[in-house]
Amino acid sequence: MNPPSALPPHVPPQRPLPSPPLGARRDPARPEIIRAPHADPFGQFRPAPTGGRRTTIVTVGIVIAVAIAFVVPFILDANLEPSADRFSSTEDVLEEYVPTEVLWPLTFSSLDRCDEVSNGELMVANFDCRNSQVRITGLEDVTNPLLSTVRSAQSLGYEQVDTTAVNVFTARALQMNPELTKDAELDDIYLVNPMYSANPLASDKDTSYVVTFYQEPRSEVHDGVLVTVEVTANTADGAYQETKDIVRSAATHD
C-alpha cells in the first residue's frame, strides 16, 4: 500500500460553461450571464487623453488658446492710435440731435472750439465751451415765432418765461453781421431776457440767455422752423458775449 501523500490530489481547472447557441433554450438551472453593451460599437469616438503626457499636452494647448483669445486683442489695441471722436464737427452733432436739421441746416461756427457733451437729453445738442455751456434744439411747424420762443424756453426749464420776456433781436443782430439773414437764411431772431440762478457757493450768479432763430415757410412741405440756443455762464458778461458770438456765426451748411 502506498503511503498517503501530503499534497492534495491534483484538480484540473474548470472551464467556464459555454454560452448557449443563439436561439437555444436557456437552462433554468444555470444563472443568466449579463454582458454590458459595447460603449462605441462603430468606433466613432476617440479615447479620452487619460495618459499623463497626453493630458499635459492638451492642458497646455487650452491655456495657449485662452491666452490668444483674451490677451492678443489688448496687445493690438495698445498698438493702435486713439480713435477719433464720434463727431468730427459741429454740423455732425447738430445733424444727430437737432430735429429741424433736415429742414433747415443751421450751424454756428463759434461752437467749433467747444466739446460735444452727451447728458442723455433727447433732441438737444449740448456743448461745453470752457467758460459757458450751450444747448441747442429745434421746433417745426412754427406759425407764431414769439409764442414758440416762449414754449422753447419753457421746455429748456424756464417755466417763468412769458411773451413779455421775449424781444425781437433781428435789427441788433444785423448791426453785428449785415450778412446774417443771407448767410443763415433766417427771417427773425428773438432774445429772451437774461435769467439768473443763484449759487450760494459762488461769488457770481449763473446767467442764461435764450436766443431763437426763425425761418418762415420756404415750401408747402412744412411751416416755419425755430432753432433755439441756450447759453449759460457764471457771469452775465460771459453769457452775453457767447450769445453774440453765436448770433454772428450763424449760417447754413451743406
C-alpha atoms as a PDB file:
ATOM      1  CA  MET A   1       0.000   0.000   0.000  1.00  0.00           C
ATOM      2  CA  ASN A   2       1.334   3.381  -0.949  1.00  0.00           C
ATOM      3  CA  PRO A   3       1.752   5.965   1.809  1.00  0.00           C
ATOM      4  CA  PRO A   4      -0.705   8.829   1.872  1.00  0.00           C
ATOM      5  CA  SER A   5       0.545  11.911   0.107  1.00  0.00           C
ATOM      6  CA  ALA A   6       0.757  15.242   1.959  1.00  0.00           C
ATOM      7  CA  LEU A   7      -0.318  17.134  -1.167  1.00  0.00           C
ATOM      8  CA  PRO A   8      -3.968  17.310  -2.210  1.00  0.00           C
ATOM      9  CA  PRO A   9      -4.859  15.477  -5.308  1.00  0.00           C
ATOM     10  CA  HIS A  10      -4.500  17.467  -8.490  1.00  0.00           C
ATOM     11  CA  VAL A  11      -7.788  19.060  -9.574  1.00  0.00           C
ATOM     12  CA  PRO A  12      -7.947  20.065 -13.217  1.00  0.00           C
ATOM     13  CA  PRO A  13      -9.015  23.726 -13.863  1.00  0.00           C
ATOM     14  CA  GLN A  14     -12.646  24.197 -14.524  1.00  0.00           C
ATOM     15  CA  ARG A  15     -13.568  25.699 -17.870  1.00  0.00           C
ATOM     16  CA  PRO A  16     -16.377  28.302 -17.980  1.00  0.00           C
ATOM     17  CA  LEU A  17     -19.606  26.965 -19.148  1.00  0.00           C
ATOM     18  CA  PRO A  18     -20.135  27.735 -22.802  1.00  0.00           C
ATOM     19  CA  SER A  19     -22.853  30.146 -23.769  1.00  0.00           C
ATOM     20  CA  PRO A  20     -25.861  28.506 -25.283  1.00  0.00           C
ATOM     21  CA  PRO A  21     -26.056  28.825 -29.030  1.00  0.00           C
ATOM     22  CA  LEU A  22     -28.192  31.585 -30.440  1.00  0.00           C
ATOM     23  CA  GLY A  23     -31.833  30.591 -30.367  1.00  0.00           C
ATOM     24  CA  ALA A  24     -31.303  27.716 -27.891  1.00  0.00           C
ATOM     25  CA  ARG A  25     -33.442  27.477 -24.829  1.00  0.00           C
ATOM     26  CA  ARG A  26     -31.767  28.559 -21.604  1.00  0.00           C
ATOM     27  CA  ASP A  27     -31.284  26.024 -18.896  1.00  0.00           C
ATOM     28  CA  PRO A  28     -33.223  27.387 -15.913  1.00  0.00           C
ATOM     29  CA  ALA A  29     -30.693  25.702 -13.582  1.00  0.00           C
ATOM     30  CA  ARG A  30     -27.865  27.872 -14.916  1.00  0.00           C
ATOM     31  CA  PRO A  31     -27.562  31.596 -13.992  1.00  0.00           C
ATOM     32  CA  GLU A  32     -28.060  34.068 -16.850  1.00  0.00           C
ATOM     33  CA  ILE A  33     -24.893  35.818 -17.974  1.00  0.00           C
ATOM     34  CA  ILE A  34     -25.434  39.564 -18.500  1.00  0.00           C
ATOM     35  CA  ARG A  35     -22.878  41.372 -20.620  1.00  0.00           C
ATOM     36  CA  ALA A  36     -22.628  45.193 -20.871  1.00  0.00           C
ATOM     37  CA  PRO A  37     -23.139  46.648 -24.385  1.00  0.00           C
ATOM     38  CA  HIS A  38     -20.128  47.951 -26.227  1.00  0.00           C
ATOM     39  CA  ALA A  39     -19.603  51.679 -25.489  1.00  0.00           C
ATOM     40  CA  ASP A  40     -18.578  52.592 -29.034  1.00  0.00           C
ATOM     41  CA  PRO A  41     -19.548  49.745 -31.391  1.00  0.00           C
ATOM     42  CA  PHE A  42     -18.855  51.772 -34.548  1.00  0.00           C
ATOM     43  CA  GLY A  43     -15.603  53.435 -33.404  1.00  0.00           C
ATOM     44  CA  GLN A  44     -16.857  56.984 -33.804  1.00  0.00           C
ATOM     45  CA  PHE A  45     -15.180  58.447 -30.728  1.00  0.00           C
ATOM     46  CA  ARG A  46     -11.559  58.795 -29.752  1.00  0.00           C
ATOM     47  CA  PRO A  47     -10.450  57.668 -26.309  1.00  0.00           C
ATOM     48  CA  ALA A  48     -10.011  60.359 -23.677  1.00  0.00           C
ATOM     49  CA  PRO A  49      -6.425  61.529 -23.131  1.00  0.00           C
ATOM     50  CA  THR A  50      -6.015  59.864 -19.765  1.00  0.00           C
ATOM     51  CA  GLY A  51      -2.304  59.389 -20.069  1.00  0.00           C
ATOM     52  CA  GLY A  52      -0.114  61.824 -18.146  1.00  0.00           C
ATOM     53  CA  ARG A  53       1.786  63.118 -21.164  1.00  0.00           C
ATOM     54  CA  ARG A  54      -1.301  63.466 -23.310  1.00  0.00           C
ATOM     55  CA  THR A  55      -3.174  65.287 -20.519  1.00  0.00           C
ATOM     56  CA  THR A  56      -0.312  67.780 -20.140  1.00  0.00           C
ATOM     57  CA  ILE A  57      -0.231  68.492 -23.880  1.00  0.00           C
ATOM     58  CA  VAL A  58      -3.995  69.072 -24.024  1.00  0.00           C
ATOM     59  CA  THR A  59      -3.910  71.357 -20.955  1.00  0.00           C
ATOM     60  CA  VAL A  60      -1.082  73.466 -22.378  1.00  0.00           C
ATOM     61  CA  GLY A  61      -2.969  73.768 -25.667  1.00  0.00           C
ATOM     62  CA  ILE A  62      -6.104  75.015 -23.899  1.00  0.00           C
ATOM     63  CA  VAL A  63      -4.105  77.594 -21.921  1.00  0.00           C
ATOM     64  CA  ILE A  64      -2.442  78.884 -25.095  1.00  0.00           C
ATOM     65  CA  ALA A  65      -5.805  79.154 -26.882  1.00  0.00           C
ATOM     66  CA  VAL A  66      -7.321  81.138 -23.998  1.00  0.00           C
ATOM     67  CA  ALA A  67      -4.293  83.444 -23.909  1.00  0.00           C
ATOM     68  CA  ILE A  68      -4.585  84.120 -27.630  1.00  0.00           C
ATOM     69  CA  ALA A  69      -8.325  84.839 -27.360  1.00  0.00           C
ATOM     70  CA  PHE A  70      -8.088  87.284 -24.446  1.00  0.00           C
ATOM     71  CA  VAL A  71      -4.575  88.760 -24.474  1.00  0.00           C
ATOM     72  CA  VAL A  72      -3.863  89.379 -28.152  1.00  0.00           C
ATOM     73  CA  PRO A  73      -6.785  91.838 -28.668  1.00  0.00           C
ATOM     74  CA  PHE A  74      -5.473  94.009 -25.830  1.00  0.00           C
ATOM     75  CA  ILE A  75      -1.994  93.987 -27.336  1.00  0.00           C
ATOM     76  CA  LEU A  76      -3.383  95.067 -30.703  1.00  0.00           C
ATOM     77  CA  ASP A  77      -5.451  97.862 -29.120  1.00  0.00           C
ATOM     78  CA  ALA A  78      -2.395  99.138 -27.292  1.00  0.00           C
ATOM     79  CA  ASN A  79      -0.518  99.484 -30.573  1.00  0.00           C
ATOM     80  CA  LEU A  80      -3.358 101.279 -32.392  1.00  0.00           C
ATOM     81  CA  GLU A  81      -3.682 105.048 -32.437  1.00  0.00           C
ATOM     82  CA  PRO A  82      -6.501 106.520 -30.303  1.00  0.00           C
ATOM     83  CA  SER A  83      -9.750 106.551 -32.256  1.00  0.00           C
ATOM     84  CA  ALA A  84     -11.245 109.865 -33.302  1.00  0.00           C
ATOM     85  CA  ASP A  85     -14.279 111.278 -31.540  1.00  0.00           C
ATOM     86  CA  ARG A  86     -17.672 110.118 -32.716  1.00  0.00           C
ATOM     87  CA  PHE A  87     -18.473 113.591 -34.060  1.00  0.00           C
ATOM     88  CA  SER A  88     -15.838 115.324 -36.141  1.00  0.00           C
ATOM     89  CA  SER A  89     -17.607 118.682 -36.449  1.00  0.00           C
ATOM     90  CA  THR A  90     -20.357 120.871 -35.031  1.00  0.00           C
ATOM     91  CA  GLU A  91     -22.526 120.006 -38.021  1.00  0.00           C
ATOM     92  CA  ASP A  92     -22.330 116.296 -37.175  1.00  0.00           C
ATOM     93  CA  VAL A  93     -23.593 116.980 -33.649  1.00  0.00           C
ATOM     94  CA  LEU A  94     -26.472 119.109 -34.883  1.00  0.00           C
ATOM     95  CA  GLU A  95     -27.432 116.530 -37.507  1.00  0.00           C
ATOM     96  CA  GLU A  96     -27.600 113.899 -34.776  1.00  0.00           C
ATOM     97  CA  TYR A  97     -29.606 115.764 -32.140  1.00  0.00           C
ATOM     98  CA  VAL A  98     -31.447 118.764 -33.612  1.00  0.00           C
ATOM     99  CA  PRO A  99     -34.723 117.565 -35.180  1.00  0.00           C
ATOM    100  CA  THR A 100     -35.047 120.536 -37.585  1.00  0.00           C
ATOM    101  CA  GLU A 101     -31.635 119.927 -39.168  1.00  0.00           C
ATOM    102  CA  VAL A 102     -33.121 118.323 -42.282  1.00  0.00           C
ATOM    103  CA  LEU A 103     -35.499 121.236 -42.902  1.00  0.00           C
ATOM    104  CA  TRP A 104     -33.058 123.986 -42.006  1.00  0.00           C
ATOM    105  CA  PRO A 105     -29.348 123.041 -41.692  1.00  0.00           C
ATOM    106  CA  LEU A 106     -28.386 125.937 -39.404  1.00  0.00           C
ATOM    107  CA  THR A 107     -24.980 125.843 -37.748  1.00  0.00           C
ATOM    108  CA  PHE A 108     -22.756 128.097 -35.633  1.00  0.00           C
ATOM    109  CA  SER A 109     -19.032 128.182 -36.359  1.00  0.00           C
ATOM    110  CA  SER A 110     -18.279 129.741 -32.942  1.00  0.00           C
ATOM    111  CA  LEU A 111     -19.054 126.316 -31.436  1.00  0.00           C
ATOM    112  CA  ASP A 112     -16.249 124.611 -33.351  1.00  0.00           C
ATOM    113  CA  ARG A 113     -13.936 125.280 -30.402  1.00  0.00           C
ATOM    114  CA  CYS A 114     -16.368 123.600 -27.975  1.00  0.00           C
ATOM    115  CA  ASP A 115     -16.662 119.955 -26.961  1.00  0.00           C
ATOM    116  CA  GLU A 116     -19.790 117.934 -27.586  1.00  0.00           C
ATOM    117  CA  VAL A 117     -21.311 116.645 -24.355  1.00  0.00           C
ATOM    118  CA  SER A 118     -23.826 113.817 -24.046  1.00  0.00           C
ATOM    119  CA  ASN A 119     -26.055 114.021 -20.977  1.00  0.00           C
ATOM    120  CA  GLY A 120     -28.961 111.872 -22.110  1.00  0.00           C
ATOM    121  CA  GLU A 121     -31.221 114.678 -23.348  1.00  0.00           C
ATOM    122  CA  LEU A 122     -33.288 113.725 -26.354  1.00  0.00           C
ATOM    123  CA  MET A 123     -33.265 116.089 -29.355  1.00  0.00           C
ATOM    124  CA  VAL A 124     -30.926 118.539 -27.607  1.00  0.00           C
ATOM    125  CA  ALA A 125     -27.319 119.162 -28.683  1.00  0.00           C
ATOM    126  CA  ASN A 126     -25.048 120.027 -25.746  1.00  0.00           C
ATOM    127  CA  PHE A 127     -21.679 121.783 -25.937  1.00  0.00           C
ATOM    128  CA  ASP A 128     -19.061 122.590 -23.325  1.00  0.00           C
ATOM    129  CA  CYS A 129     -17.303 125.834 -24.287  1.00  0.00           C
ATOM    130  CA  ARG A 130     -14.963 126.009 -21.276  1.00  0.00           C
ATOM    131  CA  ASN A 131     -16.447 129.146 -19.692  1.00  0.00           C
ATOM    132  CA  SER A 132     -20.000 128.520 -20.870  1.00  0.00           C
ATOM    133  CA  GLN A 133     -22.425 125.753 -21.772  1.00  0.00           C
ATOM    134  CA  VAL A 134     -24.652 125.728 -24.845  1.00  0.00           C
ATOM    135  CA  ARG A 135     -27.808 123.733 -25.588  1.00  0.00           C
ATOM    136  CA  ILE A 136     -29.499 123.699 -28.997  1.00  0.00           C
ATOM    137  CA  THR A 137     -32.837 122.279 -30.066  1.00  0.00           C
ATOM    138  CA  GLY A 138     -35.354 122.841 -32.861  1.00  0.00           C
ATOM    139  CA  LEU A 139     -39.086 123.152 -33.353  1.00  0.00           C
ATOM    140  CA  GLU A 140     -41.055 122.505 -36.547  1.00  0.00           C
ATOM    141  CA  ASP A 141     -44.381 123.795 -37.857  1.00  0.00           C
ATOM    142  CA  VAL A 142     -43.994 127.212 -36.243  1.00  0.00           C
ATOM    143  CA  THR A 143     -46.566 129.825 -37.190  1.00  0.00           C
ATOM    144  CA  ASN A 144     -46.075 132.185 -34.240  1.00  0.00           C
ATOM    145  CA  PRO A 145     -42.350 132.579 -33.506  1.00  0.00           C
ATOM    146  CA  LEU A 146     -42.977 134.708 -30.404  1.00  0.00           C
ATOM    147  CA  LEU A 147     -45.120 132.077 -28.681  1.00  0.00           C
ATOM    148  CA  SER A 148     -42.834 129.307 -29.925  1.00  0.00           C
ATOM    149  CA  THR A 149     -39.853 131.080 -28.347  1.00  0.00           C
ATOM    150  CA  VAL A 150     -41.716 131.053 -25.023  1.00  0.00           C
ATOM    151  CA  ARG A 151     -42.537 127.393 -25.496  1.00  0.00           C
ATOM    152  CA  SER A 152     -38.917 126.503 -26.312  1.00  0.00           C
ATOM    153  CA  ALA A 153     -37.597 128.396 -23.284  1.00  0.00           C
ATOM    154  CA  GLN A 154     -40.075 126.605 -21.041  1.00  0.00           C
ATOM    155  CA  SER A 155     -39.093 123.220 -22.475  1.00  0.00           C
ATOM    156  CA  LEU A 156     -35.492 124.014 -21.529  1.00  0.00           C
ATOM    157  CA  GLY A 157     -36.552 124.556 -17.910  1.00  0.00           C
ATOM    158  CA  TYR A 158     -37.540 128.234 -17.759  1.00  0.00           C
ATOM    159  CA  GLU A 159     -41.184 127.960 -16.752  1.00  0.00           C
ATOM    160  CA  GLN A 160     -41.301 131.612 -15.653  1.00  0.00           C
ATOM    161  CA  VAL A 161     -40.758 132.904 -19.219  1.00  0.00           C
ATOM    162  CA  ASP A 162     -43.741 134.532 -20.948  1.00  0.00           C
ATOM    163  CA  THR A 163     -44.201 136.739 -24.013  1.00  0.00           C
ATOM    164  CA  THR A 164     -43.198 139.881 -22.087  1.00  0.00           C
ATOM    165  CA  ALA A 165     -39.685 138.460 -21.639  1.00  0.00           C
ATOM    166  CA  VAL A 166     -39.118 137.982 -25.401  1.00  0.00           C
ATOM    167  CA  ASN A 167     -37.553 140.716 -27.540  1.00  0.00           C
ATOM    168  CA  VAL A 168     -37.089 140.950 -31.294  1.00  0.00           C
ATOM    169  CA  PHE A 169     -33.320 140.957 -31.804  1.00  0.00           C
ATOM    170  CA  THR A 170     -33.105 140.988 -35.619  1.00  0.00           C
ATOM    171  CA  ALA A 171     -32.082 144.632 -36.077  1.00  0.00           C
ATOM    172  CA  ARG A 172     -29.396 144.387 -33.373  1.00  0.00           C
ATOM    173  CA  ALA A 173     -28.068 141.171 -34.908  1.00  0.00           C
ATOM    174  CA  LEU A 174     -27.815 142.741 -38.379  1.00  0.00           C
ATOM    175  CA  GLN A 175     -25.699 145.520 -36.903  1.00  0.00           C
ATOM    176  CA  MET A 176     -23.269 142.856 -35.710  1.00  0.00           C
ATOM    177  CA  ASN A 177     -23.380 140.947 -39.019  1.00  0.00           C
ATOM    178  CA  PRO A 178     -25.123 142.631 -42.000  1.00  0.00           C
ATOM    179  CA  GLU A 179     -24.931 139.377 -43.998  1.00  0.00           C
ATOM    180  CA  LEU A 180     -26.596 137.341 -41.269  1.00  0.00           C
ATOM    181  CA  THR A 181     -30.033 136.887 -42.803  1.00  0.00           C
ATOM    182  CA  LYS A 182     -28.439 135.896 -46.121  1.00  0.00           C
ATOM    183  CA  ASP A 183     -25.843 133.520 -44.689  1.00  0.00           C
ATOM    184  CA  ALA A 184     -28.231 131.875 -42.245  1.00  0.00           C
ATOM    185  CA  GLU A 185     -31.314 132.072 -44.495  1.00  0.00           C
ATOM    186  CA  LEU A 186     -33.303 133.306 -41.499  1.00  0.00           C
ATOM    187  CA  ASP A 187     -36.030 135.912 -41.161  1.00  0.00           C
ATOM    188  CA  ASP A 188     -36.017 136.924 -37.497  1.00  0.00           C
ATOM    189  CA  ILE A 189     -34.080 136.490 -34.266  1.00  0.00           C
ATOM    190  CA  TYR A 190     -35.602 136.659 -30.773  1.00  0.00           C
ATOM    191  CA  LEU A 191     -33.793 137.126 -27.472  1.00  0.00           C
ATOM    192  CA  VAL A 192     -35.224 136.231 -24.078  1.00  0.00           C
ATOM    193  CA  ASN A 193     -34.375 138.426 -21.108  1.00  0.00           C
ATOM    194  CA  PRO A 194     -31.429 137.031 -19.110  1.00  0.00           C
ATOM    195  CA  MET A 195     -32.276 134.608 -16.327  1.00  0.00           C
ATOM    196  CA  TYR A 196     -30.239 134.142 -13.193  1.00  0.00           C
ATOM    197  CA  SER A 197     -29.805 131.191 -10.880  1.00  0.00           C
ATOM    198  CA  ALA A 198     -28.229 131.881  -7.518  1.00  0.00           C
ATOM    199  CA  ASN A 199     -25.328 129.682  -6.483  1.00  0.00           C
ATOM    200  CA  PRO A 200     -24.608 130.109  -2.744  1.00  0.00           C
ATOM    201  CA  LEU A 201     -21.154 128.553  -3.145  1.00  0.00           C
ATOM    202  CA  ALA A 202     -20.017 131.013  -5.831  1.00  0.00           C
ATOM    203  CA  SER A 203     -19.357 134.735  -5.819  1.00  0.00           C
ATOM    204  CA  ASP A 204     -21.332 135.201  -9.032  1.00  0.00           C
ATOM    205  CA  LYS A 205     -24.676 134.011 -10.322  1.00  0.00           C
ATOM    206  CA  ASP A 206     -25.100 131.746 -13.330  1.00  0.00           C
ATOM    207  CA  THR A 207     -26.666 133.713 -16.164  1.00  0.00           C
ATOM    208  CA  SER A 208     -28.593 132.184 -19.048  1.00  0.00           C
ATOM    209  CA  TYR A 209     -29.683 133.678 -22.363  1.00  0.00           C
ATOM    210  CA  VAL A 210     -32.084 132.054 -24.781  1.00  0.00           C
ATOM    211  CA  VAL A 211     -31.884 133.199 -28.390  1.00  0.00           C
ATOM    212  CA  THR A 212     -34.076 131.794 -31.162  1.00  0.00           C
ATOM    213  CA  PHE A 213     -33.632 131.849 -34.940  1.00  0.00           C
ATOM    214  CA  TYR A 214     -36.790 131.776 -37.058  1.00  0.00           C
ATOM    215  CA  GLN A 215     -37.210 130.810 -40.685  1.00  0.00           C
ATOM    216  CA  GLU A 216     -40.543 131.379 -42.352  1.00  0.00           C
ATOM    217  CA  PRO A 217     -42.046 128.593 -44.517  1.00  0.00           C
ATOM    218  CA  ARG A 218     -39.934 128.016 -47.612  1.00  0.00           C
ATOM    219  CA  SER A 219     -42.252 125.446 -49.201  1.00  0.00           C
ATOM    220  CA  GLU A 220     -45.564 123.714 -48.723  1.00  0.00           C
ATOM    221  CA  VAL A 221     -43.870 120.800 -47.016  1.00  0.00           C
ATOM    222  CA  HIS A 222     -43.555 122.495 -43.634  1.00  0.00           C
ATOM    223  CA  ASP A 223     -44.458 125.649 -41.784  1.00  0.00           C
ATOM    224  CA  GLY A 224     -41.851 127.792 -40.097  1.00  0.00           C
ATOM    225  CA  VAL A 225     -38.813 126.428 -38.256  1.00  0.00           C
ATOM    226  CA  LEU A 226     -37.426 127.721 -34.963  1.00  0.00           C
ATOM    227  CA  VAL A 227     -33.929 126.876 -33.710  1.00  0.00           C
ATOM    228  CA  THR A 228     -33.389 127.637 -30.021  1.00  0.00           C
ATOM    229  CA  VAL A 229     -29.980 128.212 -28.421  1.00  0.00           C
ATOM    230  CA  GLU A 230     -29.477 128.474 -24.664  1.00  0.00           C
ATOM    231  CA  VAL A 231     -26.209 129.918 -23.350  1.00  0.00           C
ATOM    232  CA  THR A 232     -25.243 129.665 -19.678  1.00  0.00           C
ATOM    233  CA  ALA A 233     -22.164 131.144 -17.968  1.00  0.00           C
ATOM    234  CA  ASN A 234     -21.195 132.088 -14.439  1.00  0.00           C
ATOM    235  CA  THR A 235     -21.172 135.801 -15.324  1.00  0.00           C
ATOM    236  CA  ALA A 236     -23.680 137.933 -17.186  1.00  0.00           C
ATOM    237  CA  ASP A 237     -20.982 139.414 -19.424  1.00  0.00           C
ATOM    238  CA  GLY A 238     -19.647 135.981 -20.325  1.00  0.00           C
ATOM    239  CA  ALA A 239     -23.106 134.660 -21.212  1.00  0.00           C
ATOM    240  CA  TYR A 240     -23.960 137.687 -23.331  1.00  0.00           C
ATOM    241  CA  GLN A 241     -20.625 137.637 -25.161  1.00  0.00           C
ATOM    242  CA  GLU A 242     -21.078 133.949 -26.025  1.00  0.00           C
ATOM    243  CA  THR A 243     -24.624 134.691 -27.229  1.00  0.00           C
ATOM    244  CA  LYS A 244     -23.368 137.441 -29.540  1.00  0.00           C
ATOM    245  CA  ASP A 245     -20.666 135.143 -30.942  1.00  0.00           C
ATOM    246  CA  ILE A 246     -23.313 132.535 -31.721  1.00  0.00           C
ATOM    247  CA  VAL A 247     -25.540 135.099 -33.450  1.00  0.00           C
ATOM    248  CA  ARG A 248     -22.647 136.420 -35.558  1.00  0.00           C
ATOM    249  CA  SER A 249     -21.559 132.950 -36.649  1.00  0.00           C
ATOM    250  CA  ALA A 250     -24.997 131.630 -37.651  1.00  0.00           C
ATOM    251  CA  ALA A 251     -25.036 130.200 -41.190  1.00  0.00           C
ATOM    252  CA  THR A 252     -26.395 127.298 -43.158  1.00  0.00           C
ATOM    253  CA  HIS A 253     -24.246 124.350 -44.197  1.00  0.00           C
ATOM    254  CA  ASP A 254     -24.460 121.685 -46.893  1.00  0.00           C
END
